N, C-alpha and C. Protein backbone atom coordinates (compact mmCIF):
# COMPACT_ATOMS: atom_id res chain seq x y z
N MET A 1 -17.61 30.57 27.83
CA MET A 1 -17.45 31.83 27.14
C MET A 1 -18.83 32.44 26.95
N ALA A 2 -19.26 33.20 27.92
CA ALA A 2 -20.59 33.79 27.87
C ALA A 2 -20.58 35.17 27.22
N GLU A 3 -19.43 35.65 26.87
CA GLU A 3 -19.36 37.00 26.32
C GLU A 3 -19.69 37.02 24.83
N THR A 4 -20.12 38.17 24.37
CA THR A 4 -20.33 38.37 22.94
C THR A 4 -19.23 39.29 22.44
N PHE A 5 -19.01 39.28 21.16
CA PHE A 5 -17.91 40.05 20.59
C PHE A 5 -18.45 41.17 19.72
N PRO A 6 -17.80 42.32 19.79
CA PRO A 6 -18.29 43.46 19.02
C PRO A 6 -18.14 43.29 17.51
N ASP A 7 -17.13 42.51 17.11
CA ASP A 7 -16.92 42.33 15.67
C ASP A 7 -16.19 41.02 15.40
N TYR A 8 -16.10 40.68 14.14
CA TYR A 8 -15.47 39.43 13.70
C TYR A 8 -14.00 39.38 14.10
N LYS A 9 -13.29 40.47 13.96
CA LYS A 9 -11.85 40.51 14.25
C LYS A 9 -11.58 40.17 15.72
N THR A 10 -12.36 40.70 16.61
CA THR A 10 -12.20 40.43 18.04
C THR A 10 -12.51 38.96 18.34
N ALA A 11 -13.57 38.45 17.75
CA ALA A 11 -13.94 37.05 17.95
C ALA A 11 -12.85 36.13 17.44
N LEU A 12 -12.30 36.43 16.29
CA LEU A 12 -11.23 35.61 15.72
C LEU A 12 -9.99 35.63 16.61
N ALA A 13 -9.64 36.79 17.16
CA ALA A 13 -8.48 36.89 18.05
C ALA A 13 -8.68 36.02 19.29
N GLN A 14 -9.89 36.02 19.86
CA GLN A 14 -10.17 35.19 21.03
C GLN A 14 -10.13 33.71 20.68
N LEU A 15 -10.61 33.36 19.50
CA LEU A 15 -10.58 31.97 19.05
C LEU A 15 -9.15 31.48 18.89
N VAL A 16 -8.31 32.29 18.29
CA VAL A 16 -6.90 31.93 18.11
C VAL A 16 -6.24 31.73 19.47
N LYS A 17 -6.55 32.59 20.42
CA LYS A 17 -6.00 32.49 21.78
C LYS A 17 -6.45 31.18 22.45
N ALA A 18 -7.74 30.84 22.31
CA ALA A 18 -8.27 29.62 22.93
C ALA A 18 -7.65 28.37 22.31
N VAL A 19 -7.49 28.35 21.00
CA VAL A 19 -6.88 27.20 20.33
C VAL A 19 -5.42 27.05 20.75
N ASN A 20 -4.72 28.16 20.91
CA ASN A 20 -3.33 28.13 21.36
C ASN A 20 -3.22 27.52 22.76
N ILE A 21 -4.10 27.93 23.66
CA ILE A 21 -4.10 27.37 25.01
C ILE A 21 -4.39 25.87 24.95
N TYR A 22 -5.38 25.48 24.16
CA TYR A 22 -5.78 24.08 24.03
C TYR A 22 -4.63 23.22 23.51
N ASN A 23 -3.90 23.71 22.54
CA ASN A 23 -2.84 22.92 21.92
C ASN A 23 -1.49 22.99 22.62
N HIS A 24 -1.23 24.06 23.38
CA HIS A 24 0.10 24.24 23.96
C HIS A 24 0.15 24.09 25.48
N PHE A 25 -0.97 24.22 26.16
CA PHE A 25 -0.93 24.19 27.62
C PHE A 25 -1.83 23.14 28.26
N ARG A 26 -2.95 22.83 27.65
CA ARG A 26 -3.91 21.91 28.26
C ARG A 26 -3.46 20.46 28.08
N PRO A 27 -3.31 19.71 29.19
CA PRO A 27 -2.94 18.29 29.05
C PRO A 27 -4.12 17.47 28.52
N HIS A 28 -3.81 16.49 27.68
CA HIS A 28 -4.82 15.63 27.07
C HIS A 28 -4.54 14.19 27.48
N MET A 29 -5.58 13.45 27.83
CA MET A 29 -5.41 12.05 28.19
C MET A 29 -4.86 11.25 27.02
N SER A 30 -5.30 11.59 25.81
CA SER A 30 -4.84 10.84 24.64
C SER A 30 -3.37 11.09 24.33
N CYS A 31 -2.80 12.12 24.94
CA CYS A 31 -1.36 12.42 24.76
C CYS A 31 -0.58 12.09 26.02
N ASN A 32 -1.10 11.16 26.80
CA ASN A 32 -0.43 10.73 28.03
C ASN A 32 -0.25 11.91 28.99
N MET A 33 -1.27 12.72 29.11
CA MET A 33 -1.33 13.90 29.97
C MET A 33 -0.27 14.96 29.64
N MET A 34 0.07 15.04 28.37
CA MET A 34 0.90 16.14 27.87
C MET A 34 0.02 16.98 26.96
N SER A 35 0.47 18.20 26.69
CA SER A 35 -0.25 18.99 25.69
C SER A 35 0.07 18.39 24.32
N PRO A 36 -0.77 18.61 23.32
CA PRO A 36 -0.46 18.09 21.99
C PRO A 36 0.89 18.58 21.48
N GLN A 37 1.23 19.82 21.78
CA GLN A 37 2.52 20.37 21.34
C GLN A 37 3.68 19.64 22.01
N GLN A 38 3.57 19.36 23.31
CA GLN A 38 4.63 18.62 24.01
C GLN A 38 4.75 17.20 23.46
N ALA A 39 3.63 16.56 23.24
CA ALA A 39 3.65 15.20 22.70
C ALA A 39 4.27 15.18 21.31
N HIS A 40 3.94 16.16 20.51
CA HIS A 40 4.50 16.25 19.15
C HIS A 40 6.01 16.41 19.21
N GLN A 41 6.50 17.29 20.08
CA GLN A 41 7.95 17.49 20.21
C GLN A 41 8.64 16.22 20.69
N GLN A 42 8.08 15.57 21.68
CA GLN A 42 8.70 14.39 22.25
C GLN A 42 8.73 13.23 21.26
N LEU A 43 7.72 13.12 20.46
CA LEU A 43 7.60 11.97 19.57
C LEU A 43 7.92 12.29 18.12
N GLN A 44 8.55 13.43 17.90
CA GLN A 44 8.78 13.90 16.54
C GLN A 44 9.49 12.88 15.65
N ASN A 45 10.51 12.24 16.16
CA ASN A 45 11.27 11.29 15.37
C ASN A 45 11.06 9.84 15.82
N GLN A 46 10.03 9.62 16.60
CA GLN A 46 9.76 8.27 17.09
C GLN A 46 8.43 7.80 16.54
N LYS A 47 8.23 6.50 16.59
CA LYS A 47 6.93 5.95 16.22
C LYS A 47 5.97 6.25 17.37
N VAL A 48 4.82 6.76 17.05
CA VAL A 48 3.85 7.12 18.08
C VAL A 48 3.22 5.85 18.64
N PRO A 49 3.28 5.68 19.97
CA PRO A 49 2.68 4.48 20.56
C PRO A 49 1.15 4.54 20.48
N LYS A 50 0.53 3.38 20.34
CA LYS A 50 -0.93 3.32 20.31
C LYS A 50 -1.46 3.52 21.72
N MET A 51 -2.36 4.44 21.85
CA MET A 51 -2.95 4.71 23.16
C MET A 51 -4.30 3.99 23.31
N PHE A 52 -4.98 3.78 22.20
CA PHE A 52 -6.31 3.18 22.23
C PHE A 52 -6.36 2.07 21.20
N GLN A 53 -7.25 1.12 21.44
CA GLN A 53 -7.43 0.02 20.49
C GLN A 53 -8.68 0.27 19.66
N ARG A 54 -8.61 -0.12 18.40
CA ARG A 54 -9.81 -0.04 17.56
C ARG A 54 -10.74 -1.18 17.93
N ARG A 55 -12.00 -0.92 17.85
CA ARG A 55 -12.98 -1.97 18.12
C ARG A 55 -13.22 -2.74 16.84
N ASN A 56 -13.29 -4.05 16.96
CA ASN A 56 -13.53 -4.85 15.77
C ASN A 56 -15.03 -5.04 15.54
N ALA A 57 -15.37 -5.60 14.41
CA ALA A 57 -16.77 -5.76 14.03
C ALA A 57 -17.53 -6.65 15.01
N GLU A 58 -16.88 -7.68 15.54
CA GLU A 58 -17.56 -8.59 16.47
C GLU A 58 -17.99 -7.86 17.74
N SER A 59 -17.12 -7.02 18.28
CA SER A 59 -17.51 -6.32 19.51
C SER A 59 -18.63 -5.33 19.23
N LYS A 60 -18.66 -4.74 18.02
CA LYS A 60 -19.76 -3.84 17.67
C LYS A 60 -21.07 -4.60 17.62
N LYS A 61 -21.05 -5.82 17.04
CA LYS A 61 -22.27 -6.64 16.98
C LYS A 61 -22.74 -6.97 18.39
N PHE A 62 -21.80 -7.32 19.27
CA PHE A 62 -22.14 -7.68 20.64
C PHE A 62 -22.78 -6.49 21.35
N ARG A 63 -22.16 -5.31 21.21
CA ARG A 63 -22.71 -4.12 21.87
C ARG A 63 -24.10 -3.81 21.34
N SER A 64 -24.30 -3.96 20.05
CA SER A 64 -25.60 -3.69 19.45
C SER A 64 -26.65 -4.64 20.00
N LYS A 65 -26.32 -5.94 20.09
CA LYS A 65 -27.25 -6.92 20.63
C LYS A 65 -27.54 -6.63 22.09
N THR A 66 -26.51 -6.24 22.83
CA THR A 66 -26.69 -5.93 24.25
C THR A 66 -27.64 -4.76 24.41
N ARG A 67 -27.46 -3.71 23.61
CA ARG A 67 -28.35 -2.55 23.68
C ARG A 67 -29.79 -2.96 23.36
N GLU A 68 -29.97 -3.78 22.33
CA GLU A 68 -31.32 -4.22 21.96
C GLU A 68 -31.97 -4.98 23.10
N THR A 69 -31.19 -5.84 23.76
CA THR A 69 -31.71 -6.61 24.89
C THR A 69 -32.12 -5.70 26.03
N VAL A 70 -31.29 -4.72 26.34
CA VAL A 70 -31.60 -3.79 27.43
C VAL A 70 -32.86 -3.00 27.11
N VAL A 71 -32.97 -2.53 25.88
CA VAL A 71 -34.16 -1.77 25.49
C VAL A 71 -35.40 -2.65 25.60
N ARG A 72 -35.31 -3.90 25.12
CA ARG A 72 -36.44 -4.82 25.21
C ARG A 72 -36.82 -5.06 26.67
N GLU A 73 -35.82 -5.28 27.53
CA GLU A 73 -36.09 -5.55 28.94
C GLU A 73 -36.75 -4.35 29.60
N ARG A 74 -36.25 -3.16 29.30
CA ARG A 74 -36.84 -1.95 29.89
C ARG A 74 -38.28 -1.78 29.44
N THR A 75 -38.53 -2.03 28.17
CA THR A 75 -39.88 -1.91 27.63
C THR A 75 -40.80 -2.91 28.32
N THR A 76 -40.33 -4.14 28.47
CA THR A 76 -41.11 -5.18 29.13
C THR A 76 -41.36 -4.81 30.59
N ASP A 77 -40.32 -4.33 31.29
CA ASP A 77 -40.47 -3.93 32.69
C ASP A 77 -41.51 -2.82 32.83
N ASN A 78 -41.47 -1.85 31.95
CA ASN A 78 -42.42 -0.73 32.03
C ASN A 78 -43.85 -1.20 31.79
N SER A 79 -44.05 -2.12 30.85
CA SER A 79 -45.40 -2.60 30.60
C SER A 79 -45.90 -3.44 31.78
N GLN A 80 -45.00 -4.18 32.43
CA GLN A 80 -45.39 -4.95 33.61
C GLN A 80 -45.77 -4.03 34.76
N LYS A 81 -45.02 -2.95 34.93
CA LYS A 81 -45.33 -1.99 35.99
C LYS A 81 -46.71 -1.40 35.76
N THR A 82 -47.00 -1.07 34.52
CA THR A 82 -48.30 -0.50 34.19
C THR A 82 -49.41 -1.51 34.49
N ASP A 83 -49.21 -2.77 34.13
CA ASP A 83 -50.20 -3.81 34.42
C ASP A 83 -50.38 -3.97 35.92
N ASN A 84 -49.28 -3.96 36.68
CA ASN A 84 -49.35 -4.09 38.13
C ASN A 84 -50.06 -2.89 38.74
N ASP A 85 -49.77 -1.70 38.24
CA ASP A 85 -50.43 -0.50 38.75
C ASP A 85 -51.93 -0.57 38.53
N ASN A 86 -52.34 -1.10 37.37
CA ASN A 86 -53.77 -1.22 37.07
C ASN A 86 -54.44 -2.23 38.00
N GLN A 87 -53.74 -3.30 38.37
CA GLN A 87 -54.31 -4.32 39.25
C GLN A 87 -54.49 -3.79 40.66
N ILE A 88 -53.58 -2.91 41.10
CA ILE A 88 -53.64 -2.38 42.46
C ILE A 88 -54.85 -1.47 42.63
N GLN A 89 -55.21 -0.72 41.60
CA GLN A 89 -56.31 0.25 41.71
C GLN A 89 -57.63 -0.39 41.71
């Protein structure tokens, strides 16, 4: 949306139109490739199936440790490259 709006009323009308398209026509992966409105109608009286799993604390700790290791390795690799570059010159 690269356009500018002449006034607040026009901008609001365009926003309402965009939200309507997003909720009624655009398929969402989290809604099993249905629009939110279609998913809501289909599941109105049913229990909504879980589409995603919550991450537990253990997996968060693992990911954090993994990131720290990767950062440390990259830092070490960069310092080694610098040392090697200095030796070549």
